[in-house]
C-alpha atoms as a PDB file:
ATOM      1  CA  MET A   1     137.969 210.808 147.690  1.00  0.00           C
ATOM      2  CA  ALA A   2     140.316 212.236 150.317  1.00  0.00           C
ATOM      3  CA  VAL A   3     143.141 210.325 151.984  1.00  0.00           C
ATOM      4  CA  GLY A   4     144.622 212.503 154.694  1.00  0.00           C
ATOM      5  CA  ARG A   5     145.479 215.780 153.000  1.00  0.00           C
ATOM      6  CA  GLN A   6     145.578 214.196 149.557  1.00  0.00           C
ATOM      7  CA  ASP A   7     142.616 214.293 147.195  1.00  0.00           C
ATOM      8  CA  TYR A   8     141.934 211.718 144.456  1.00  0.00           C
ATOM      9  CA  LEU A   9     139.461 211.858 141.597  1.00  0.00           C
ATOM     10  CA  ARG A  10     137.708 208.954 139.872  1.00  0.00           C
ATOM     11  CA  CYS A  11     137.291 209.048 136.102  1.00  0.00           C
ATOM     12  CA  GLY A  12     133.668 208.370 135.303  1.00  0.00           C
ATOM     13  CA  TYR A  13     134.617 206.977 131.888  1.00  0.00           C
ATOM     14  CA  CYS A  14     137.466 204.522 132.554  1.00  0.00           C
ATOM     15  CA  GLU A  15     137.398 204.268 136.386  1.00  0.00           C
ATOM     16  CA  ALA A  16     141.040 205.300 136.811  1.00  0.00           C
ATOM     17  CA  THR A  17     141.869 207.005 140.120  1.00  0.00           C
ATOM     18  CA  VAL A  18     143.910 210.182 139.697  1.00  0.00           C
ATOM     19  CA  MET A  19     145.732 212.276 142.290  1.00  0.00           C
ATOM     20  CA  SER A  20     144.687 215.919 142.438  1.00  0.00           C
ATOM     21  CA  GLU A  21     147.252 218.166 140.751  1.00  0.00           C
ATOM     22  CA  VAL A  22     147.895 220.103 143.953  1.00  0.00           C
ATOM     23  CA  GLY A  23     149.430 217.009 145.527  1.00  0.00           C
ATOM     24  CA  ARG A  24     152.076 216.388 142.886  1.00  0.00           C
ATOM     25  CA  LEU A  25     155.780 216.636 143.552  1.00  0.00           C
ATOM     26  CA  SER A  26     157.971 219.160 141.796  1.00  0.00           C
ATOM     27  CA  GLU A  27     160.175 217.836 138.989  1.00  0.00           C
ATOM     28  CA  ALA A  28     163.227 218.026 141.263  1.00  0.00           C
ATOM     29  CA  GLU A  29     161.443 216.173 144.069  1.00  0.00           C
ATOM     30  CA  GLU A  30     160.251 213.502 141.643  1.00  0.00           C
ATOM     31  CA  ARG A  31     163.761 213.021 140.225  1.00  0.00           C
ATOM     32  CA  ALA A  32     165.183 212.713 143.757  1.00  0.00           C
ATOM     33  CA  VAL A  33     162.849 209.773 144.447  1.00  0.00           C
ATOM     34  CA  TYR A  34     163.865 208.045 141.209  1.00  0.00           C
ATOM     35  CA  ASP A  35     167.547 208.511 142.037  1.00  0.00           C
ATOM     36  CA  LEU A  36     167.015 206.312 145.103  1.00  0.00           C
ATOM     37  CA  HIS A  37     165.993 203.315 142.970  1.00  0.00           C
ATOM     38  CA  GLU A  38     168.574 200.538 142.791  1.00  0.00           C
ATOM     39  CA  ASN A  39     167.088 198.275 140.123  1.00  0.00           C
ATOM     40  CA  THR A  40     169.836 196.668 138.059  1.00  0.00           C
ATOM     41  CA  ALA A  41     169.935 194.042 135.331  1.00  0.00           C
ATOM     42  CA  ASP A  42     172.137 191.753 137.436  1.00  0.00           C
ATOM     43  CA  ASP A  43     169.669 191.571 140.352  1.00  0.00           C
ATOM     44  CA  PRO A  44     168.034 188.105 140.142  1.00  0.00           C
ATOM     45  CA  GLY A  45     164.988 189.192 142.135  1.00  0.00           C
ATOM     46  CA  TYR A  46     164.380 192.175 139.913  1.00  0.00           C
ATOM     47  CA  ARG A  47     164.792 190.037 136.798  1.00  0.00           C
ATOM     48  CA  ARG A  48     162.175 187.598 138.134  1.00  0.00           C
ATOM     49  CA  PHE A  49     159.835 190.528 138.726  1.00  0.00           C
ATOM     50  CA  LEU A  50     160.310 191.836 135.179  1.00  0.00           C
ATOM     51  CA  ALA A  51     159.941 188.320 133.730  1.00  0.00           C
ATOM     52  CA  ARG A  52     156.234 188.516 134.542  1.00  0.00           C
ATOM     53  CA  LEU A  53     156.049 190.805 131.520  1.00  0.00           C
ATOM     54  CA  SER A  54     159.013 189.695 129.422  1.00  0.00           C
ATOM     55  CA  ASP A  55     158.163 185.974 129.383  1.00  0.00           C
ATOM     56  CA  PRO A  56     154.638 186.268 127.930  1.00  0.00           C
ATOM     57  CA  LEU A  57     155.725 189.102 125.632  1.00  0.00           C
ATOM     58  CA  LEU A  58     158.627 187.131 124.152  1.00  0.00           C
ATOM     59  CA  LYS A  59     156.228 184.309 123.253  1.00  0.00           C
ATOM     60  CA  ARG A  60     154.420 186.761 120.993  1.00  0.00           C
ATOM     61  CA  LEU A  61     157.436 188.379 119.295  1.00  0.00           C
ATOM     62  CA  ALA A  62     159.579 187.366 116.362  1.00  0.00           C
ATOM     63  CA  HIS A  63     163.327 187.118 116.921  1.00  0.00           C
ATOM     64  CA  GLY A  64     164.996 190.417 116.086  1.00  0.00           C
ATOM     65  CA  ALA A  65     161.897 192.551 116.612  1.00  0.00           C
ATOM     66  CA  ASP A  66     162.428 196.254 117.231  1.00  0.00           C
ATOM     67  CA  GLY A  67     161.339 197.434 120.667  1.00  0.00           C
ATOM     68  CA  LEU A  68     161.158 200.605 122.711  1.00  0.00           C
ATOM     69  CA  ASP A  69     161.522 200.505 126.485  1.00  0.00           C
ATOM     70  CA  PHE A  70     159.523 203.598 127.456  1.00  0.00           C
ATOM     71  CA  GLY A  71     160.360 204.993 130.900  1.00  0.00           C
ATOM     72  CA  CYS A  72     163.294 202.622 131.273  1.00  0.00           C
ATOM     73  CA  GLY A  73     164.828 204.402 134.279  1.00  0.00           C
ATOM     74  CA  PRO A  74     168.533 204.744 135.061  1.00  0.00           C
ATOM     75  CA  GLY A  75     169.223 201.012 134.774  1.00  0.00           C
ATOM     76  CA  PRO A  76     167.240 199.600 131.839  1.00  0.00           C
ATOM     77  CA  ALA A  77     167.129 196.028 133.089  1.00  0.00           C
ATOM     78  CA  LEU A  78     164.135 194.938 131.033  1.00  0.00           C
ATOM     79  CA  ALA A  79     165.682 196.270 127.828  1.00  0.00           C
ATOM     80  CA  GLN A  80     168.833 194.284 128.596  1.00  0.00           C
ATOM     81  CA  MET A  81     166.821 191.126 129.202  1.00  0.00           C
ATOM     82  CA  LEU A  82     164.987 191.560 125.903  1.00  0.00           C
ATOM     83  CA  ALA A  83     168.207 192.365 124.039  1.00  0.00           C
ATOM     84  CA  ASP A  84     169.742 189.193 125.487  1.00  0.00           C
ATOM     85  CA  SER A  85     166.781 187.337 123.961  1.00  0.00           C
ATOM     86  CA  GLY A  86     167.534 188.706 120.495  1.00  0.00           C
ATOM     87  CA  MET A  87     165.447 191.886 120.394  1.00  0.00           C
ATOM     88  CA  ASN A  88     166.684 195.247 119.094  1.00  0.00           C
ATOM     89  CA  MET A  89     166.016 197.773 121.842  1.00  0.00           C
ATOM     90  CA  SER A  90     165.748 201.555 121.969  1.00  0.00           C
ATOM     91  CA  LEU A  91     165.446 203.474 125.233  1.00  0.00           C
ATOM     92  CA  TYR A  92     163.454 206.475 126.335  1.00  0.00           C
ATOM     93  CA  ASP A  93     163.097 208.060 129.749  1.00  0.00           C
ATOM     94  CA  PRO A  94     162.429 211.776 130.315  1.00  0.00           C
ATOM     95  CA  PHE A  95     164.936 211.880 133.175  1.00  0.00           C
ATOM     96  CA  PHE A  96     167.616 209.340 132.267  1.00  0.00           C
ATOM     97  CA  TYR A  97     167.404 208.704 128.491  1.00  0.00           C
ATOM     98  CA  PRO A  98     165.729 211.884 127.158  1.00  0.00           C
ATOM     99  CA  ASP A  99     166.633 211.475 123.465  1.00  0.00           C
ATOM    100  CA  ALA A 100     163.238 212.210 121.919  1.00  0.00           C
ATOM    101  CA  SER A 101     164.423 211.145 118.451  1.00  0.00           C
ATOM    102  CA  VAL A 102     163.511 207.561 119.376  1.00  0.00           C
ATOM    103  CA  LEU A 103     159.882 208.737 119.520  1.00  0.00           C
ATOM    104  CA  GLU A 104     159.933 209.641 115.833  1.00  0.00           C
ATOM    105  CA  ARG A 105     159.759 206.092 114.464  1.00  0.00           C
ATOM    106  CA  GLN A 106     157.588 203.012 114.924  1.00  0.00           C
ATOM    107  CA  TYR A 107     158.257 199.753 116.724  1.00  0.00           C
ATOM    108  CA  ASP A 108     157.167 196.126 116.743  1.00  0.00           C
ATOM    109  CA  PHE A 109     156.653 196.383 120.489  1.00  0.00           C
ATOM    110  CA  ILE A 110     156.812 198.816 123.398  1.00  0.00           C
ATOM    111  CA  THR A 111     157.416 197.982 127.047  1.00  0.00           C
ATOM    112  CA  CYS A 112     156.327 200.212 129.889  1.00  0.00           C
ATOM    113  CA  THR A 113     157.042 198.709 133.306  1.00  0.00           C
ATOM    114  CA  GLU A 114     156.190 200.569 136.509  1.00  0.00           C
ATOM    115  CA  VAL A 115     155.737 203.769 134.491  1.00  0.00           C
ATOM    116  CA  VAL A 116     152.082 204.467 133.706  1.00  0.00           C
ATOM    117  CA  GLU A 117     151.291 205.201 137.363  1.00  0.00           C
ATOM    118  CA  HIS A 118     153.637 208.209 137.125  1.00  0.00           C
ATOM    119  CA  LEU A 119     152.005 209.857 134.099  1.00  0.00           C
ATOM    120  CA  TYR A 120     150.559 213.354 134.464  1.00  0.00           C
ATOM    121  CA  GLN A 121     148.946 213.086 131.010  1.00  0.00           C
ATOM    122  CA  PRO A 122     148.182 209.364 130.582  1.00  0.00           C
ATOM    123  CA  ALA A 123     145.709 209.828 127.725  1.00  0.00           C
ATOM    124  CA  GLU A 124     148.318 211.658 125.653  1.00  0.00           C
ATOM    125  CA  VAL A 125     150.948 208.989 126.350  1.00  0.00           C
ATOM    126  CA  PHE A 126     148.645 206.137 125.318  1.00  0.00           C
ATOM    127  CA  GLN A 127     147.832 208.058 122.139  1.00  0.00           C
ATOM    128  CA  ALA A 128     151.581 208.273 121.527  1.00  0.00           C
ATOM    129  CA  PHE A 129     151.909 204.525 122.083  1.00  0.00           C
ATOM    130  CA  ASP A 130     149.293 203.928 119.399  1.00  0.00           C
ATOM    131  CA  ARG A 131     151.247 206.143 117.003  1.00  0.00           C
ATOM    132  CA  LEU A 132     154.568 204.479 117.887  1.00  0.00           C
ATOM    133  CA  LEU A 133     153.283 200.914 117.447  1.00  0.00           C
ATOM    134  CA  LEU A 134     153.409 199.299 114.043  1.00  0.00           C
ATOM    135  CA  PRO A 135     150.278 197.413 112.976  1.00  0.00           C
ATOM    136  CA  GLY A 136     150.552 193.952 114.476  1.00  0.00           C
ATOM    137  CA  GLY A 137     152.649 195.350 117.335  1.00  0.00           C
ATOM    138  CA  TRP A 138     152.458 194.753 121.079  1.00  0.00           C
ATOM    139  CA  LEU A 139     152.392 197.104 124.066  1.00  0.00           C
ATOM    140  CA  GLY A 140     153.364 195.563 127.401  1.00  0.00           C
ATOM    141  CA  VAL A 141     152.383 197.448 130.561  1.00  0.00           C
ATOM    142  CA  MET A 142     153.168 196.500 134.140  1.00  0.00           C
ATOM    143  CA  THR A 143     151.573 198.394 137.039  1.00  0.00           C
ATOM    144  CA  CYS A 144     149.705 197.367 140.173  1.00  0.00           C
ATOM    145  CA  PHE A 145     146.035 197.154 139.247  1.00  0.00           C
ATOM    146  CA  GLN A 146     143.697 198.885 141.681  1.00  0.00           C
ATOM    147  CA  THR A 147     140.933 196.638 142.969  1.00  0.00           C
ATOM    148  CA  ASP A 148     139.355 197.364 146.350  1.00  0.00           C
ATOM    149  CA  ASP A 149     138.531 200.999 147.211  1.00  0.00           C
ATOM    150  CA  SER A 150     138.301 200.099 150.901  1.00  0.00           C
ATOM    151  CA  ARG A 151     142.029 199.306 150.895  1.00  0.00           C
ATOM    152  CA  PHE A 152     143.113 202.311 148.856  1.00  0.00           C
ATOM    153  CA  ALA A 153     144.108 204.551 151.781  1.00  0.00           C
ATOM    154  CA  ASN A 154     146.606 202.017 153.155  1.00  0.00           C
ATOM    155  CA  TRP A 155     147.686 200.543 149.817  1.00  0.00           C
ATOM    156  CA  HIS A 156     151.491 200.563 149.508  1.00  0.00           C
ATOM    157  CA  TYR A 157     151.269 201.611 145.877  1.00  0.00           C
ATOM    158  CA  ARG A 158     149.288 204.727 146.727  1.00  0.00           C
ATOM    159  CA  ARG A 159     151.802 205.762 149.367  1.00  0.00           C
ATOM    160  CA  ASP A 160     154.570 206.268 146.799  1.00  0.00           C
ATOM    161  CA  PRO A 161     154.426 210.064 146.269  1.00  0.00           C
ATOM    162  CA  THR A 162     155.402 209.714 142.589  1.00  0.00           C
ATOM    163  CA  HIS A 163     152.362 207.534 141.833  1.00  0.00           C
ATOM    164  CA  VAL A 164     149.614 209.817 140.556  1.00  0.00           C
ATOM    165  CA  VAL A 165     147.256 207.568 138.570  1.00  0.00           C
ATOM    166  CA  PHE A 166     145.949 204.080 139.331  1.00  0.00           C
ATOM    167  CA  TYR A 167     144.359 201.742 136.794  1.00  0.00           C
ATOM    168  CA  ARG A 168     141.830 198.974 137.080  1.00  0.00           C
ATOM    169  CA  GLU A 169     141.613 196.102 134.631  1.00  0.00           C
ATOM    170  CA  TYR A 170     138.443 197.834 133.462  1.00  0.00           C
ATOM    171  CA  THR A 171     140.524 200.943 132.683  1.00  0.00           C
ATOM    172  CA  PHE A 172     142.735 198.917 130.368  1.00  0.00           C
ATOM    173  CA  ASN A 173     139.695 197.378 128.699  1.00  0.00           C
ATOM    174  CA  VAL A 174     138.404 200.881 127.976  1.00  0.00           C
ATOM    175  CA  LEU A 175     141.785 201.888 126.526  1.00  0.00           C
ATOM    176  CA  ALA A 176     141.844 198.793 124.333  1.00  0.00           C
ATOM    177  CA  GLN A 177     138.370 199.558 123.016  1.00  0.00           C
ATOM    178  CA  GLN A 178     139.285 203.177 122.384  1.00  0.00           C
ATOM    179  CA  PHE A 179     142.294 202.319 120.208  1.00  0.00           C
ATOM    180  CA  GLY A 180     140.990 199.129 118.649  1.00  0.00           C
ATOM    181  CA  TRP A 181     143.562 197.004 120.485  1.00  0.00           C
ATOM    182  CA  ARG A 182     143.079 193.535 121.948  1.00  0.00           C
ATOM    183  CA  LEU A 183     143.822 193.207 125.678  1.00  0.00           C
ATOM    184  CA  GLU A 184     145.328 190.185 127.388  1.00  0.00           C
ATOM    185  CA  VAL A 185     146.204 189.906 131.097  1.00  0.00           C
ATOM    186  CA  PRO A 186     148.722 187.029 131.194  1.00  0.00           C
ATOM    187  CA  ALA A 187     149.893 187.610 134.771  1.00  0.00           C
ATOM    188  CA  LYS A 188     148.979 189.645 137.829  1.00  0.00           C
ATOM    189  CA  ASP A 189     149.409 193.385 137.162  1.00  0.00           C
ATOM    190  CA  VAL A 190     150.480 192.817 133.549  1.00  0.00           C
ATOM    191  CA  ALA A 191     148.528 194.072 130.527  1.00  0.00           C
ATOM    192  CA  LEU A 192     149.461 193.141 126.961  1.00  0.00           C
ATOM    193  CA  PHE A 193     147.819 195.100 124.162  1.00  0.00           C
ATOM    194  CA  HIS A 194     147.913 193.908 120.561  1.00  0.00           C
ATOM    195  CA  LYS A 195     147.420 196.411 117.741  1.00  0.00           C
ATOM    196  CA  PRO A 196     145.780 194.504 114.905  1.00  0.00           C
ATOM    197  CA  ILE A 197     147.202 194.524 111.398  1.00  0.00           C
ATOM    198  CA  GLY A 198     145.151 196.846 109.245  1.00  0.00           C
ATOM    199  CA  THR A 199     145.137 199.732 111.737  1.00  0.00           C
ATOM    200  CA  CYS A 200     147.218 202.863 111.305  1.00  0.00           C
END
């Protein structure tokens, strides 16, 4: 589908909507947008927003679990909230926390808030999540789910130039089936995936 000068493709397998490669920002342009973000751990409104993921996730985790906040941004507020609740957190972000050594071990849980819509290679990243998760582990994803195609052109989420892929709840169901995970949707725009014990 075309929206103005921007083209989008629909995956016939998982129903994700993906921006055409020709419309993507350069790395420098993308970084400049991220540098404008002012999301901090001491912002009560931002903490309430992140609690939509952290609250249901914490109910499923043991105290002292090891977690990775993937795509944490310049101010890893969610990681701080989880650390304050007794979790051991590692950070990764290709722009702000690029230490790839944290991607060489496994975790009890991974959080990924407002990140998956930015991924140029989402299939590869979800494969990495499966490798990074210990059996019995949890992956928490927060992103605005796409619903109505008729509203896509004017959707605020689409208008962010760094957003290049949009997921439906169906998309996440397909991902769960592909990796043998169990999907839960405990709140609007929140997906929790559980990797069963007995899987590698």
